[in-house]
Amino acid sequence: MRPSPDGNYTAAIMDNFAEDFWTGRSRRWFTIRVERPDIAYEYKGSPLPAPYFGSRSSVSVIRWSPDSSLVRFVFPAAGLRFETRLPG
C-alpha cells in the first residue's frame, strides 16, 4: 500500500492465492485498489509477471504522480493507470 503525495488517496495491490478444499486446485489473482474515504475503485484479474512486491520487499510497483492526479501500477510486461481527478 502506498499513500498519494497529497495524502487524500491510497493505492494497494495484493497478490492472492487460494486452494480449493475439496479438489486441491489452486488459483492466483491480483487485487488492485485505489481509494479515498468516500470512494474506492477495485480491479481483480489474473496476475501479471512482476517482481516480488510484498511488505518485506524494496520493490514497489505503485507509482504516484507528484500532484496525486494519477497512480500507475508498473510491471515488466504491462502497466495499469488510474486517474484520481475527473476531467473538467
PDB file of N, CA and C in Angstrom:
ATOM      1  N   MET A   1       0.855  -1.167   0.000  1.00  0.00           N
ATOM      2  CA  MET A   1       0.000   0.000   0.000  1.00  0.00           C
ATOM      3  C   MET A   1       0.904   1.234   0.000  1.00  0.00           C
ATOM      4  N   ARG A   2       0.447   2.258  -0.731  1.00  0.00           N
ATOM      5  CA  ARG A   2       1.213   3.498  -0.803  1.00  0.00           C
ATOM      6  C   ARG A   2       0.233   4.683  -0.837  1.00  0.00           C
ATOM      7  N   PRO A   3       0.397   5.634   0.088  1.00  0.00           N
ATOM      8  CA  PRO A   3      -0.475   6.817   0.054  1.00  0.00           C
ATOM      9  C   PRO A   3      -0.058   7.766  -1.063  1.00  0.00           C
ATOM     10  N   SER A   4      -0.998   8.570  -1.533  1.00  0.00           N
ATOM     11  CA  SER A   4      -0.687   9.586  -2.547  1.00  0.00           C
ATOM     12  C   SER A   4       0.115  10.711  -1.897  1.00  0.00           C
ATOM     13  N   PRO A   5       0.870  11.475  -2.697  1.00  0.00           N
ATOM     14  CA  PRO A   5       1.655  12.583  -2.142  1.00  0.00           C
ATOM     15  C   PRO A   5       0.814  13.598  -1.357  1.00  0.00           C
ATOM     16  N   ASP A   6      -0.438  13.841  -1.794  1.00  0.00           N
ATOM     17  CA  ASP A   6      -1.271  14.811  -1.070  1.00  0.00           C
ATOM     18  C   ASP A   6      -1.996  14.195   0.127  1.00  0.00           C
ATOM     19  N   GLY A   7      -1.869  12.872   0.308  1.00  0.00           N
ATOM     20  CA  GLY A   7      -2.475  12.197   1.444  1.00  0.00           C
ATOM     21  C   GLY A   7      -3.959  11.920   1.326  1.00  0.00           C
ATOM     22  N   ASN A   8      -4.570  12.231   0.193  1.00  0.00           N
ATOM     23  CA  ASN A   8      -6.013  12.038   0.028  1.00  0.00           C
ATOM     24  C   ASN A   8      -6.398  10.637  -0.429  1.00  0.00           C
ATOM     25  N   TYR A   9      -5.481   9.887  -1.007  1.00  0.00           N
ATOM     26  CA  TYR A   9      -5.766   8.575  -1.583  1.00  0.00           C
ATOM     27  C   TYR A   9      -4.773   7.545  -1.065  1.00  0.00           C
ATOM     28  N   THR A  10      -5.148   6.288  -1.197  1.00  0.00           N
ATOM     29  CA  THR A  10      -4.201   5.199  -1.021  1.00  0.00           C
ATOM     30  C   THR A  10      -4.341   4.269  -2.216  1.00  0.00           C
ATOM     31  N   ALA A  11      -3.242   3.664  -2.593  1.00  0.00           N
ATOM     32  CA  ALA A  11      -3.237   2.667  -3.658  1.00  0.00           C
ATOM     33  C   ALA A  11      -2.648   1.392  -3.071  1.00  0.00           C
ATOM     34  N   ALA A  12      -3.237   0.274  -3.428  1.00  0.00           N
ATOM     35  CA  ALA A  12      -2.765  -1.002  -2.892  1.00  0.00           C
ATOM     36  C   ALA A  12      -2.858  -2.068  -3.963  1.00  0.00           C
ATOM     37  N   ILE A  13      -1.961  -3.030  -3.865  1.00  0.00           N
ATOM     38  CA  ILE A  13      -2.024  -4.202  -4.732  1.00  0.00           C
ATOM     39  C   ILE A  13      -1.752  -5.424  -3.868  1.00  0.00           C
ATOM     40  N   MET A  14      -2.568  -6.455  -4.064  1.00  0.00           N
ATOM     41  CA  MET A  14      -2.420  -7.681  -3.305  1.00  0.00           C
ATOM     42  C   MET A  14      -2.324  -8.866  -4.247  1.00  0.00           C
ATOM     43  N   ASP A  15      -1.425  -9.750  -3.946  1.00  0.00           N
ATOM     44  CA  ASP A  15      -1.254 -10.998  -4.675  1.00  0.00           C
ATOM     45  C   ASP A  15      -1.999 -12.061  -3.877  1.00  0.00           C
ATOM     46  N   ASN A  16      -3.093 -12.594  -4.432  1.00  0.00           N
ATOM     47  CA  ASN A  16      -3.951 -13.534  -3.705  1.00  0.00           C
ATOM     48  C   ASN A  16      -3.752 -14.962  -4.197  1.00  0.00           C
ATOM     49  N   PHE A  17      -3.939 -15.889  -3.291  1.00  0.00           N
ATOM     50  CA  PHE A  17      -3.809 -17.305  -3.602  1.00  0.00           C
ATOM     51  C   PHE A  17      -4.865 -18.062  -2.812  1.00  0.00           C
ATOM     52  N   ALA A  18      -5.504 -19.026  -3.457  1.00  0.00           N
ATOM     53  CA  ALA A  18      -6.488 -19.873  -2.770  1.00  0.00           C
ATOM     54  C   ALA A  18      -6.364 -21.295  -3.295  1.00  0.00           C
ATOM     55  N   GLU A  19      -6.610 -22.225  -2.415  1.00  0.00           N
ATOM     56  CA  GLU A  19      -6.609 -23.631  -2.801  1.00  0.00           C
ATOM     57  C   GLU A  19      -7.947 -24.222  -2.385  1.00  0.00           C
ATOM     58  N   ASP A  20      -8.631 -24.864  -3.345  1.00  0.00           N
ATOM     59  CA  ASP A  20      -9.936 -25.448  -3.078  1.00  0.00           C
ATOM     60  C   ASP A  20      -9.785 -26.619  -2.112  1.00  0.00           C
ATOM     61  N   PHE A  21     -10.585 -26.602  -1.057  1.00  0.00           N
ATOM     62  CA  PHE A  21     -10.514 -27.639  -0.033  1.00  0.00           C
ATOM     63  C   PHE A  21     -10.805 -29.028  -0.601  1.00  0.00           C
ATOM     64  N   TRP A  22     -11.797 -29.136  -1.486  1.00  0.00           N
ATOM     65  CA  TRP A  22     -12.237 -30.439  -1.978  1.00  0.00           C
ATOM     66  C   TRP A  22     -11.384 -30.953  -3.125  1.00  0.00           C
ATOM     67  N   THR A  23     -11.009 -30.100  -4.042  1.00  0.00           N
ATOM     68  CA  THR A  23     -10.292 -30.571  -5.234  1.00  0.00           C
ATOM     69  C   THR A  23      -8.778 -30.369  -5.140  1.00  0.00           C
ATOM     70  N   GLY A  24      -8.347 -29.467  -4.274  1.00  0.00           N
ATOM     71  CA  GLY A  24      -6.921 -29.173  -4.181  1.00  0.00           C
ATOM     72  C   GLY A  24      -6.430 -28.235  -5.279  1.00  0.00           C
ATOM     73  N   ARG A  25      -7.333 -27.846  -6.184  1.00  0.00           N
ATOM     74  CA  ARG A  25      -6.944 -26.916  -7.252  1.00  0.00           C
ATOM     75  C   ARG A  25      -6.624 -25.552  -6.671  1.00  0.00           C
ATOM     76  N   SER A  26      -5.590 -24.953  -7.206  1.00  0.00           N
ATOM     77  CA  SER A  26      -5.210 -23.640  -6.711  1.00  0.00           C
ATOM     78  C   SER A  26      -5.487 -22.586  -7.780  1.00  0.00           C
ATOM     79  N   ARG A  27      -5.651 -21.367  -7.310  1.00  0.00           N
ATOM     80  CA  ARG A  27      -5.799 -20.248  -8.228  1.00  0.00           C
ATOM     81  C   ARG A  27      -5.095 -19.045  -7.614  1.00  0.00           C
ATOM     82  N   ARG A  28      -4.690 -18.132  -8.471  1.00  0.00           N
ATOM     83  CA  ARG A  28      -3.962 -16.944  -8.060  1.00  0.00           C
ATOM     84  C   ARG A  28      -4.516 -15.746  -8.817  1.00  0.00           C
ATOM     85  N   TRP A  29      -4.636 -14.600  -8.154  1.00  0.00           N
ATOM     86  CA  TRP A  29      -5.128 -13.389  -8.795  1.00  0.00           C
ATOM     87  C   TRP A  29      -4.572 -12.169  -8.063  1.00  0.00           C
ATOM     88  N   PHE A  30      -4.617 -11.044  -8.734  1.00  0.00           N
ATOM     89  CA  PHE A  30      -4.223  -9.755  -8.146  1.00  0.00           C
ATOM     90  C   PHE A  30      -5.489  -8.968  -7.825  1.00  0.00           C
ATOM     91  N   THR A  31      -5.444  -8.210  -6.761  1.00  0.00           N
ATOM     92  CA  THR A  31      -6.467  -7.217  -6.451  1.00  0.00           C
ATOM     93  C   THR A  31      -5.764  -5.873  -6.373  1.00  0.00           C
ATOM     94  N   ILE A  32      -6.222  -4.933  -7.178  1.00  0.00           N
ATOM     95  CA  ILE A  32      -5.668  -3.580  -7.201  1.00  0.00           C
ATOM     96  C   ILE A  32      -6.767  -2.646  -6.720  1.00  0.00           C
ATOM     97  N   ARG A  33      -6.413  -1.761  -5.793  1.00  0.00           N
ATOM     98  CA  ARG A  33      -7.413  -0.887  -5.176  1.00  0.00           C
ATOM     99  C   ARG A  33      -6.862   0.525  -5.051  1.00  0.00           C
ATOM    100  N   VAL A  34      -7.676   1.509  -5.441  1.00  0.00           N
ATOM    101  CA  VAL A  34      -7.366   2.930  -5.266  1.00  0.00           C
ATOM    102  C   VAL A  34      -8.557   3.518  -4.526  1.00  0.00           C
ATOM    103  N   GLU A  35      -8.298   4.191  -3.394  1.00  0.00           N
ATOM    104  CA  GLU A  35      -9.424   4.684  -2.610  1.00  0.00           C
ATOM    105  C   GLU A  35      -9.110   5.981  -1.879  1.00  0.00           C
ATOM    106  N   ARG A  36     -10.188   6.644  -1.521  1.00  0.00           N
ATOM    107  CA  ARG A  36     -10.169   7.775  -0.600  1.00  0.00           C
ATOM    108  C   ARG A  36     -11.318   7.502   0.362  1.00  0.00           C
ATOM    109  N   PRO A  37     -11.528   8.321   1.386  1.00  0.00           N
ATOM    110  CA  PRO A  37     -12.555   7.976   2.375  1.00  0.00           C
ATOM    111  C   PRO A  37     -13.967   7.734   1.817  1.00  0.00           C
ATOM    112  N   ASP A  38     -14.349   8.412   0.752  1.00  0.00           N
ATOM    113  CA  ASP A  38     -15.728   8.288   0.273  1.00  0.00           C
ATOM    114  C   ASP A  38     -15.908   7.475  -0.999  1.00  0.00           C
ATOM    115  N   ILE A  39     -14.825   6.909  -1.553  1.00  0.00           N
ATOM    116  CA  ILE A  39     -14.944   6.170  -2.811  1.00  0.00           C
ATOM    117  C   ILE A  39     -13.777   5.189  -2.951  1.00  0.00           C
ATOM    118  N   ALA A  40     -14.035   4.089  -3.646  1.00  0.00           N
ATOM    119  CA  ALA A  40     -12.978   3.108  -3.889  1.00  0.00           C
ATOM    120  C   ALA A  40     -13.157   2.495  -5.272  1.00  0.00           C
ATOM    121  N   TYR A  41     -12.052   2.299  -5.958  1.00  0.00           N
ATOM    122  CA  TYR A  41     -12.029   1.599  -7.242  1.00  0.00           C
ATOM    123  C   TYR A  41     -11.238   0.325  -7.023  1.00  0.00           C
ATOM    124  N   GLU A  42     -11.768  -0.780  -7.551  1.00  0.00           N
ATOM    125  CA  GLU A  42     -11.087  -2.054  -7.359  1.00  0.00           C
ATOM    126  C   GLU A  42     -11.094  -2.842  -8.661  1.00  0.00           C
ATOM    127  N   TYR A  43      -9.980  -3.491  -8.928  1.00  0.00           N
ATOM    128  CA  TYR A  43      -9.833  -4.332 -10.113  1.00  0.00           C
ATOM    129  C   TYR A  43      -9.281  -5.674  -9.650  1.00  0.00           C
ATOM    130  N   LYS A  44      -9.911  -6.747 -10.092  1.00  0.00           N
ATOM    131  CA  LYS A  44      -9.411  -8.092  -9.812  1.00  0.00           C
ATOM    132  C   LYS A  44      -9.137  -8.763 -11.137  1.00  0.00           C
ATOM    133  N   GLY A  45      -7.976  -9.370 -11.256  1.00  0.00           N
ATOM    134  CA  GLY A  45      -7.636 -10.026 -12.506  1.00  0.00           C
ATOM    135  C   GLY A  45      -6.487 -10.996 -12.351  1.00  0.00           C
ATOM    136  N   SER A  46      -6.178 -11.648 -13.437  1.00  0.00           N
ATOM    137  CA  SER A  46      -5.081 -12.609 -13.454  1.00  0.00           C
ATOM    138  C   SER A  46      -3.772 -11.910 -13.132  1.00  0.00           C
ATOM    139  N   PRO A  47      -2.868 -12.604 -12.463  1.00  0.00           N
ATOM    140  CA  PRO A  47      -1.589 -11.996 -12.125  1.00  0.00           C
ATOM    141  C   PRO A  47      -0.781 -11.657 -13.372  1.00  0.00           C
ATOM    142  N   LEU A  48      -0.014 -10.594 -13.275  1.00  0.00           N
ATOM    143  CA  LEU A  48       0.908 -10.192 -14.326  1.00  0.00           C
ATOM    144  C   LEU A  48       2.313 -10.553 -13.888  1.00  0.00           C
ATOM    145  N   PRO A  49       3.208 -10.823 -14.833  1.00  0.00           N
ATOM    146  CA  PRO A  49       4.590 -11.076 -14.432  1.00  0.00           C
ATOM    147  C   PRO A  49       5.129  -9.860 -13.676  1.00  0.00           C
ATOM    148  N   ALA A  50       5.655 -10.098 -12.492  1.00  0.00           N
ATOM    149  CA  ALA A  50       6.126  -8.987 -11.669  1.00  0.00           C
ATOM    150  C   ALA A  50       7.221  -9.457 -10.727  1.00  0.00           C
ATOM    151  N   PRO A  51       8.053  -8.540 -10.301  1.00  0.00           N
ATOM    152  CA  PRO A  51       8.990  -8.884  -9.234  1.00  0.00           C
ATOM    153  C   PRO A  51       8.212  -9.035  -7.932  1.00  0.00           C
ATOM    154  N   TYR A  52       8.794  -9.673  -6.950  1.00  0.00           N
ATOM    155  CA  TYR A  52       8.139  -9.785  -5.647  1.00  0.00           C
ATOM    156  C   TYR A  52       7.973  -8.388  -5.062  1.00  0.00           C
ATOM    157  N   PHE A  53       6.742  -8.019  -4.683  1.00  0.00           N
ATOM    158  CA  PHE A  53       6.485  -6.674  -4.182  1.00  0.00           C
ATOM    159  C   PHE A  53       5.798  -6.696  -2.823  1.00  0.00           C
ATOM    160  N   GLY A  54       6.000  -7.749  -2.065  1.00  0.00           N
ATOM    161  CA  GLY A  54       5.346  -7.880  -0.763  1.00  0.00           C
ATOM    162  C   GLY A  54       5.867  -6.883   0.258  1.00  0.00           C
ATOM    163  N   SER A  55       5.341  -6.967   1.463  1.00  0.00           N
ATOM    164  CA  SER A  55       5.653  -5.995   2.513  1.00  0.00           C
ATOM    165  C   SER A  55       7.122  -5.989   2.913  1.00  0.00           C
ATOM    166  N   ARG A  56       7.835  -7.059   2.650  1.00  0.00           N
ATOM    167  CA  ARG A  56       9.255  -7.108   3.004  1.00  0.00           C
ATOM    168  C   ARG A  56      10.166  -6.821   1.819  1.00  0.00           C
ATOM    169  N   SER A  57       9.602  -6.421   0.710  1.00  0.00           N
ATOM    170  CA  SER A  57      10.375  -6.161  -0.500  1.00  0.00           C
ATOM    171  C   SER A  57      10.697  -4.680  -0.626  1.00  0.00           C
ATOM    172  N   SER A  58      11.837  -4.392  -1.235  1.00  0.00           N
ATOM    173  CA  SER A  58      12.181  -2.995  -1.515  1.00  0.00           C
ATOM    174  C   SER A  58      11.613  -2.558  -2.867  1.00  0.00           C
ATOM    175  N   VAL A  59      10.994  -3.484  -3.608  1.00  0.00           N
ATOM    176  CA  VAL A  59      10.414  -3.189  -4.915  1.00  0.00           C
ATOM    177  C   VAL A  59       8.990  -2.663  -4.732  1.00  0.00           C
ATOM    178  N   SER A  60       8.666  -1.565  -5.395  1.00  0.00           N
ATOM    179  CA  SER A  60       7.296  -1.052  -5.385  1.00  0.00           C
ATOM    180  C   SER A  60       6.805  -0.965  -6.822  1.00  0.00           C
ATOM    181  N   VAL A  61       5.634  -1.501  -7.072  1.00  0.00           N
ATOM    182  CA  VAL A  61       5.032  -1.400  -8.400  1.00  0.00           C
ATOM    183  C   VAL A  61       4.043  -0.237  -8.455  1.00  0.00           C
ATOM    184  N   ILE A  62       3.846   0.467  -7.335  1.00  0.00           N
ATOM    185  CA  ILE A  62       2.906   1.588  -7.252  1.00  0.00           C
ATOM    186  C   ILE A  62       3.681   2.889  -7.420  1.00  0.00           C
ATOM    187  N   ARG A  63       3.274   3.692  -8.408  1.00  0.00           N
ATOM    188  CA  ARG A  63       3.954   4.962  -8.685  1.00  0.00           C
ATOM    189  C   ARG A  63       2.929   6.081  -8.808  1.00  0.00           C
ATOM    190  N   TRP A  64       2.956   7.024  -7.893  1.00  0.00           N
ATOM    191  CA  TRP A  64       2.068   8.181  -7.909  1.00  0.00           C
ATOM    192  C   TRP A  64       2.684   9.325  -8.690  1.00  0.00           C
ATOM    193  N   SER A  65       1.845  10.117  -9.367  1.00  0.00           N
ATOM    194  CA  SER A  65       2.318  11.362  -9.970  1.00  0.00           C
ATOM    195  C   SER A  65       2.540  12.362  -8.829  1.00  0.00           C
ATOM    196  N   PRO A  66       3.436  13.326  -9.003  1.00  0.00           N
ATOM    197  CA  PRO A  66       3.711  14.298  -7.930  1.00  0.00           C
ATOM    198  C   PRO A  66       2.477  15.063  -7.452  1.00  0.00           C
ATOM    199  N   ASP A  67       1.521  15.314  -8.349  1.00  0.00           N
ATOM    200  CA  ASP A  67       0.323  16.065  -7.953  1.00  0.00           C
ATOM    201  C   ASP A  67      -0.850  15.163  -7.541  1.00  0.00           C
ATOM    202  N   SER A  68      -0.617  13.868  -7.411  1.00  0.00           N
ATOM    203  CA  SER A  68      -1.624  12.876  -6.988  1.00  0.00           C
ATOM    204  C   SER A  68      -2.775  12.718  -7.964  1.00  0.00           C
ATOM    205  N   SER A  69      -2.639  13.189  -9.197  1.00  0.00           N
ATOM    206  CA  SER A  69      -3.733  13.098 -10.162  1.00  0.00           C
ATOM    207  C   SER A  69      -3.846  11.726 -10.806  1.00  0.00           C
ATOM    208  N   LEU A  70      -2.825  10.911 -10.690  1.00  0.00           N
ATOM    209  CA  LEU A  70      -2.897   9.547 -11.216  1.00  0.00           C
ATOM    210  C   LEU A  70      -1.915   8.652 -10.500  1.00  0.00           C
ATOM    211  N   VAL A  71      -2.232   7.383 -10.529  1.00  0.00           N
ATOM    212  CA  VAL A  71      -1.346   6.358  -9.969  1.00  0.00           C
ATOM    213  C   VAL A  71      -1.171   5.286 -11.030  1.00  0.00           C
ATOM    214  N   ARG A  72       0.062   4.800 -11.155  1.00  0.00           N
ATOM    215  CA  ARG A  72       0.363   3.731 -12.096  1.00  0.00           C
ATOM    216  C   ARG A  72       0.834   2.508 -11.323  1.00  0.00           C
ATOM    217  N   PHE A  73       0.440   1.348 -11.808  1.00  0.00           N
ATOM    218  CA  PHE A  73       0.924   0.075 -11.304  1.00  0.00           C
ATOM    219  C   PHE A  73       1.805  -0.475 -12.420  1.00  0.00           C
ATOM    220  N   VAL A  74       3.101  -0.529 -12.197  1.00  0.00           N
ATOM    221  CA  VAL A  74       4.072  -0.799 -13.256  1.00  0.00           C
ATOM    222  C   VAL A  74       4.656  -2.195 -13.090  1.00  0.00           C
ATOM    223  N   PHE A  75       4.488  -3.003 -14.137  1.00  0.00           N
ATOM    224  CA  PHE A  75       5.016  -4.360 -14.189  1.00  0.00           C
ATOM    225  C   PHE A  75       5.971  -4.466 -15.375  1.00  0.00           C
ATOM    226  N   PRO A  76       6.840  -5.483 -15.407  1.00  0.00           N
ATOM    227  CA  PRO A  76       7.762  -5.600 -16.539  1.00  0.00           C
ATOM    228  C   PRO A  76       7.070  -5.700 -17.903  1.00  0.00           C
ATOM    229  N   ALA A  77       5.911  -6.354 -17.976  1.00  0.00           N
ATOM    230  CA  ALA A  77       5.269  -6.575 -19.270  1.00  0.00           C
ATOM    231  C   ALA A  77       4.012  -5.738 -19.487  1.00  0.00           C
ATOM    232  N   ALA A  78       3.597  -4.958 -18.494  1.00  0.00           N
ATOM    233  CA  ALA A  78       2.352  -4.197 -18.627  1.00  0.00           C
ATOM    234  C   ALA A  78       2.288  -3.114 -17.562  1.00  0.00           C
ATOM    235  N   GLY A  79       1.331  -2.217 -17.734  1.00  0.00           N
ATOM    236  CA  GLY A  79       1.102  -1.186 -16.740  1.00  0.00           C
ATOM    237  C   GLY A  79      -0.377  -0.834 -16.690  1.00  0.00           C
ATOM    238  N   LEU A  80      -0.841  -0.497 -15.511  1.00  0.00           N
ATOM    239  CA  LEU A  80      -2.218  -0.050 -15.331  1.00  0.00           C
ATOM    240  C   LEU A  80      -2.175   1.359 -14.767  1.00  0.00           C
ATOM    241  N   ARG A  81      -3.094   2.193 -15.221  1.00  0.00           N
ATOM    242  CA  ARG A  81      -3.116   3.602 -14.812  1.00  0.00           C
ATOM    243  C   ARG A  81      -4.525   3.965 -14.351  1.00  0.00           C
ATOM    244  N   PHE A  82      -4.620   4.617 -13.199  1.00  0.00           N
ATOM    245  CA  PHE A  82      -5.883   5.084 -12.664  1.00  0.00           C
ATOM    246  C   PHE A  82      -5.777   6.579 -12.422  1.00  0.00           C
ATOM    247  N   GLU A  83      -6.701   7.343 -12.982  1.00  0.00           N
ATOM    248  CA  GLU A  83      -6.733   8.774 -12.745  1.00  0.00           C
ATOM    249  C   GLU A  83      -7.611   9.055 -11.544  1.00  0.00           C
ATOM    250  N   THR A  84      -7.180   9.971 -10.686  1.00  0.00           N
ATOM    251  CA  THR A  84      -7.933  10.276  -9.479  1.00  0.00           C
ATOM    252  C   THR A  84      -8.745  11.550  -9.602  1.00  0.00           C
ATOM    253  N   ARG A  85      -8.479  12.342 -10.590  1.00  0.00           N
ATOM    254  CA  ARG A  85      -9.215  13.598 -10.788  1.00  0.00           C
ATOM    255  C   ARG A  85     -10.077  13.499 -12.031  1.00  0.00           C
ATOM    256  N   LEU A  86     -11.275  13.965 -11.909  1.00  0.00           N
ATOM    257  CA  LEU A  86     -12.190  13.940 -13.048  1.00  0.00           C
ATOM    258  C   LEU A  86     -11.863  15.096 -13.989  1.00  0.00           C
ATOM    259  N   PRO A  87     -11.975  14.872 -15.305  1.00  0.00           N
ATOM    260  CA  PRO A  87     -11.729  15.972 -16.244  1.00  0.00           C
ATOM    261  C   PRO A  87     -12.804  17.043 -16.106  1.00  0.00           C
ATOM    262  N   GLY A  88     -12.425  18.266 -16.395  1.00  0.00           N
ATOM    263  CA  GLY A  88     -13.442  19.268 -16.417  1.00  0.00           C
ATOM    264  C   GLY A  88     -13.099  20.463 -15.650  1.00  0.00           C
TER     265      GLY A  88
END
